N, C-alpha and C. Protein backbone atom coordinates (compact mmCIF):
# COMPACT_ATOMS: atom_id res chain seq x y z
N MET A 1 8.85 5.04 4.04
CA MET A 1 8.65 6.31 3.37
C MET A 1 9.21 7.40 4.26
N THR A 2 9.93 8.30 3.66
CA THR A 2 10.38 9.50 4.35
C THR A 2 9.88 10.71 3.56
N VAL A 3 9.85 11.81 4.23
CA VAL A 3 9.40 13.06 3.60
C VAL A 3 10.46 14.10 3.88
N SER A 4 10.94 14.76 2.84
CA SER A 4 12.00 15.75 3.02
C SER A 4 11.46 16.99 3.74
N ASP A 5 12.36 17.73 4.35
CA ASP A 5 11.97 18.96 5.04
C ASP A 5 11.31 19.96 4.09
N ASP A 6 11.78 19.98 2.84
CA ASP A 6 11.19 20.88 1.84
C ASP A 6 9.73 20.54 1.59
N VAL A 7 9.40 19.25 1.62
CA VAL A 7 8.02 18.82 1.41
C VAL A 7 7.14 19.26 2.58
N VAL A 8 7.66 19.11 3.79
CA VAL A 8 6.89 19.55 4.96
C VAL A 8 6.58 21.04 4.84
N LYS A 9 7.57 21.82 4.47
CA LYS A 9 7.37 23.27 4.29
C LYS A 9 6.35 23.54 3.18
N TRP A 10 6.45 22.80 2.08
CA TRP A 10 5.54 22.97 0.95
C TRP A 10 4.11 22.65 1.37
N ILE A 11 3.94 21.55 2.14
CA ILE A 11 2.60 21.16 2.60
C ILE A 11 2.00 22.24 3.49
N VAL A 12 2.79 22.78 4.38
CA VAL A 12 2.30 23.85 5.27
C VAL A 12 1.89 25.07 4.46
N GLU A 13 2.73 25.44 3.49
CA GLU A 13 2.41 26.61 2.66
C GLU A 13 1.16 26.39 1.81
N GLU A 14 1.03 25.19 1.25
CA GLU A 14 -0.12 24.88 0.39
C GLU A 14 -1.39 24.61 1.19
N GLY A 15 -1.24 24.01 2.37
CA GLY A 15 -2.40 23.54 3.12
C GLY A 15 -2.94 24.49 4.17
N TYR A 16 -2.19 25.52 4.50
CA TYR A 16 -2.66 26.44 5.54
C TYR A 16 -3.58 27.48 4.91
N ASP A 17 -4.66 27.76 5.59
CA ASP A 17 -5.61 28.77 5.12
C ASP A 17 -5.89 29.71 6.29
N ILE A 18 -5.78 31.00 6.05
CA ILE A 18 -5.96 31.99 7.12
C ILE A 18 -7.35 31.88 7.77
N ASN A 19 -8.36 31.51 6.97
CA ASN A 19 -9.72 31.41 7.50
C ASN A 19 -9.99 30.11 8.24
N TYR A 20 -9.37 29.03 7.79
CA TYR A 20 -9.64 27.72 8.36
C TYR A 20 -8.48 27.14 9.17
N GLY A 21 -7.38 27.86 9.24
CA GLY A 21 -6.24 27.40 10.02
C GLY A 21 -5.59 26.18 9.40
N ALA A 22 -5.31 25.19 10.23
CA ALA A 22 -4.59 24.00 9.78
C ALA A 22 -5.51 22.91 9.22
N ARG A 23 -6.82 23.09 9.30
CA ARG A 23 -7.74 22.05 8.83
C ARG A 23 -7.47 21.60 7.40
N PRO A 24 -7.17 22.50 6.48
CA PRO A 24 -6.91 22.07 5.10
C PRO A 24 -5.62 21.25 4.93
N LEU A 25 -4.78 21.20 5.96
CA LEU A 25 -3.55 20.41 5.87
C LEU A 25 -3.86 18.94 5.60
N LYS A 26 -4.86 18.41 6.26
CA LYS A 26 -5.23 17.01 6.06
C LYS A 26 -5.59 16.75 4.61
N ARG A 27 -6.37 17.63 4.04
CA ARG A 27 -6.78 17.48 2.64
C ARG A 27 -5.56 17.57 1.71
N THR A 28 -4.64 18.47 2.00
CA THR A 28 -3.43 18.61 1.18
C THR A 28 -2.60 17.33 1.25
N ILE A 29 -2.44 16.78 2.44
CA ILE A 29 -1.69 15.53 2.59
C ILE A 29 -2.37 14.40 1.84
N GLN A 30 -3.69 14.32 1.96
CA GLN A 30 -4.44 13.28 1.25
C GLN A 30 -4.28 13.43 -0.26
N ASP A 31 -4.51 14.64 -0.74
CA ASP A 31 -4.48 14.89 -2.19
C ASP A 31 -3.09 14.74 -2.78
N GLU A 32 -2.10 15.24 -2.09
CA GLU A 32 -0.76 15.31 -2.67
C GLU A 32 0.14 14.13 -2.35
N ILE A 33 -0.03 13.51 -1.19
CA ILE A 33 0.87 12.41 -0.82
C ILE A 33 0.15 11.06 -0.89
N GLU A 34 -0.95 10.92 -0.16
CA GLU A 34 -1.64 9.63 -0.14
C GLU A 34 -2.06 9.20 -1.55
N THR A 35 -2.63 10.09 -2.30
CA THR A 35 -3.08 9.76 -3.66
C THR A 35 -1.90 9.37 -4.55
N ARG A 36 -0.83 10.14 -4.46
CA ARG A 36 0.36 9.87 -5.28
C ARG A 36 0.97 8.50 -4.94
N VAL A 37 1.09 8.22 -3.65
CA VAL A 37 1.65 6.93 -3.22
C VAL A 37 0.71 5.79 -3.62
N SER A 38 -0.58 5.97 -3.42
CA SER A 38 -1.56 4.93 -3.78
C SER A 38 -1.50 4.62 -5.27
N ARG A 39 -1.42 5.63 -6.09
CA ARG A 39 -1.35 5.41 -7.55
C ARG A 39 -0.07 4.68 -7.92
N SER A 40 1.02 5.00 -7.24
CA SER A 40 2.29 4.32 -7.52
C SER A 40 2.24 2.86 -7.11
N ILE A 41 1.51 2.55 -6.03
CA ILE A 41 1.35 1.16 -5.61
C ILE A 41 0.51 0.40 -6.63
N VAL A 42 -0.60 0.99 -7.05
CA VAL A 42 -1.48 0.34 -8.03
C VAL A 42 -0.75 0.13 -9.35
N ALA A 43 0.10 1.07 -9.73
CA ALA A 43 0.86 0.97 -10.98
C ALA A 43 2.08 0.05 -10.83
N ASP A 44 2.24 -0.54 -9.66
CA ASP A 44 3.35 -1.45 -9.36
C ASP A 44 4.71 -0.75 -9.45
N GLU A 45 4.72 0.55 -9.21
CA GLU A 45 5.97 1.32 -9.17
C GLU A 45 6.59 1.26 -7.78
N ILE A 46 5.76 1.05 -6.77
CA ILE A 46 6.22 0.87 -5.40
C ILE A 46 5.72 -0.50 -4.96
N ARG A 47 6.65 -1.28 -4.41
CA ARG A 47 6.30 -2.62 -3.95
C ARG A 47 6.62 -2.78 -2.48
N LYS A 48 6.16 -3.88 -1.93
CA LYS A 48 6.40 -4.20 -0.53
C LYS A 48 7.90 -4.12 -0.24
N LYS A 49 8.23 -3.46 0.85
CA LYS A 49 9.60 -3.28 1.35
C LYS A 49 10.43 -2.28 0.55
N ASP A 50 9.84 -1.61 -0.45
CA ASP A 50 10.57 -0.55 -1.15
C ASP A 50 10.76 0.63 -0.22
N CYS A 51 11.88 1.29 -0.36
CA CYS A 51 12.15 2.52 0.39
C CYS A 51 12.02 3.68 -0.57
N PHE A 52 11.31 4.71 -0.15
CA PHE A 52 11.16 5.87 -1.01
C PHE A 52 10.98 7.13 -0.18
N GLU A 53 11.22 8.24 -0.82
CA GLU A 53 11.07 9.53 -0.17
C GLU A 53 10.23 10.43 -1.05
N ILE A 54 9.43 11.25 -0.43
CA ILE A 54 8.68 12.28 -1.14
C ILE A 54 9.57 13.53 -1.13
N VAL A 55 9.85 14.07 -2.31
CA VAL A 55 10.73 15.23 -2.43
C VAL A 55 10.06 16.27 -3.33
N ILE A 56 10.64 17.46 -3.34
CA ILE A 56 10.22 18.52 -4.27
C ILE A 56 11.20 18.51 -5.44
N ASN A 57 10.69 18.41 -6.66
CA ASN A 57 11.59 18.43 -7.82
C ASN A 57 11.89 19.87 -8.24
N LYS A 58 12.67 20.01 -9.30
CA LYS A 58 13.07 21.36 -9.73
C LYS A 58 11.93 22.19 -10.27
N ASP A 59 10.79 21.56 -10.59
CA ASP A 59 9.60 22.30 -11.03
C ASP A 59 8.68 22.64 -9.87
N ASN A 60 9.18 22.46 -8.63
CA ASN A 60 8.44 22.74 -7.40
C ASN A 60 7.19 21.86 -7.28
N GLU A 61 7.32 20.60 -7.73
CA GLU A 61 6.23 19.64 -7.63
C GLU A 61 6.69 18.46 -6.78
N LEU A 62 5.75 17.79 -6.14
CA LEU A 62 6.09 16.61 -5.35
C LEU A 62 6.46 15.46 -6.28
N GLU A 63 7.41 14.66 -5.81
CA GLU A 63 7.88 13.54 -6.60
C GLU A 63 8.27 12.41 -5.66
N ILE A 64 8.06 11.18 -6.11
CA ILE A 64 8.48 10.02 -5.33
C ILE A 64 9.86 9.60 -5.82
N LYS A 65 10.80 9.54 -4.90
CA LYS A 65 12.16 9.12 -5.22
C LYS A 65 12.39 7.78 -4.56
N LYS A 66 12.52 6.74 -5.36
CA LYS A 66 12.66 5.38 -4.85
C LYS A 66 14.14 5.04 -4.68
N PHE A 67 14.44 4.29 -3.61
CA PHE A 67 15.79 3.85 -3.35
C PHE A 67 15.93 2.39 -3.76
N LYS A 68 17.16 1.93 -3.84
CA LYS A 68 17.41 0.53 -4.17
C LYS A 68 16.70 -0.37 -3.18
N LYS A 69 16.19 -1.49 -3.65
CA LYS A 69 15.43 -2.41 -2.82
C LYS A 69 16.24 -2.97 -1.66
N ASP A 70 17.53 -3.14 -1.85
CA ASP A 70 18.33 -3.77 -0.82
C ASP A 70 18.84 -2.80 0.24
N THR A 71 18.46 -1.54 0.15
CA THR A 71 18.91 -0.58 1.16
C THR A 71 17.89 -0.48 2.28
N SER A 72 18.39 -0.38 3.49
CA SER A 72 17.50 -0.17 4.63
C SER A 72 17.05 1.28 4.63
N VAL A 73 16.05 1.57 5.42
CA VAL A 73 15.55 2.94 5.50
C VAL A 73 16.65 3.89 5.95
N ASN A 74 17.40 3.52 6.97
CA ASN A 74 18.47 4.40 7.46
C ASN A 74 19.54 4.61 6.40
N ALA A 75 19.89 3.55 5.68
CA ALA A 75 20.88 3.69 4.61
C ALA A 75 20.34 4.56 3.49
N ALA A 76 19.05 4.43 3.18
CA ALA A 76 18.43 5.24 2.14
C ALA A 76 18.44 6.72 2.52
N ILE A 77 18.15 7.00 3.77
CA ILE A 77 18.17 8.39 4.24
C ILE A 77 19.58 8.94 4.15
N GLN A 78 20.55 8.14 4.59
CA GLN A 78 21.94 8.58 4.53
C GLN A 78 22.37 8.79 3.08
N GLN A 79 21.97 7.88 2.19
CA GLN A 79 22.30 8.00 0.78
C GLN A 79 21.72 9.30 0.21
N ASN A 80 20.50 9.62 0.57
CA ASN A 80 19.87 10.84 0.10
C ASN A 80 20.58 12.07 0.65
N ASN A 81 20.92 12.06 1.92
CA ASN A 81 21.61 13.20 2.53
C ASN A 81 22.98 13.42 1.91
N GLU A 82 23.67 12.34 1.59
CA GLU A 82 24.96 12.47 0.92
C GLU A 82 24.79 13.09 -0.45
N GLY A 83 23.73 12.72 -1.15
CA GLY A 83 23.44 13.31 -2.46
C GLY A 83 23.18 14.79 -2.37
N LYS A 84 22.52 15.22 -1.30
CA LYS A 84 22.25 16.65 -1.11
C LYS A 84 23.54 17.40 -0.85
N ASP A 85 24.46 16.80 -0.06
CA ASP A 85 25.74 17.44 0.23
C ASP A 85 26.57 17.62 -1.02
N ASN A 86 26.51 16.65 -1.94
CA ASN A 86 27.30 16.72 -3.15
C ASN A 86 26.72 17.68 -4.18
N SER A 87 25.44 17.98 -4.08
CA SER A 87 24.80 18.85 -5.07
C SER A 87 25.01 20.33 -4.80
N ASN A 88 25.53 20.67 -3.63
CA ASN A 88 25.73 22.09 -3.28
C ASN A 88 27.01 22.63 -3.78
């Protein structure tokens, strides 16, 4: 699993609270990433050895982007980065 830089920024923005500092970050990660990944595993959308990335979609929501099963993590990251370069 990889997490895009946009997701890290989104988590910080959503999870930081001026009164409680960074404490709510854990809850945001649990609610938004762990729950989403767990549900995808239970639904058999993510399987053992699958490569996937958590990204922000065009509706500014978190989304799981799965890569081909035969790609290694490094190849999947490179494939994703190439896709970002072509979209600009």
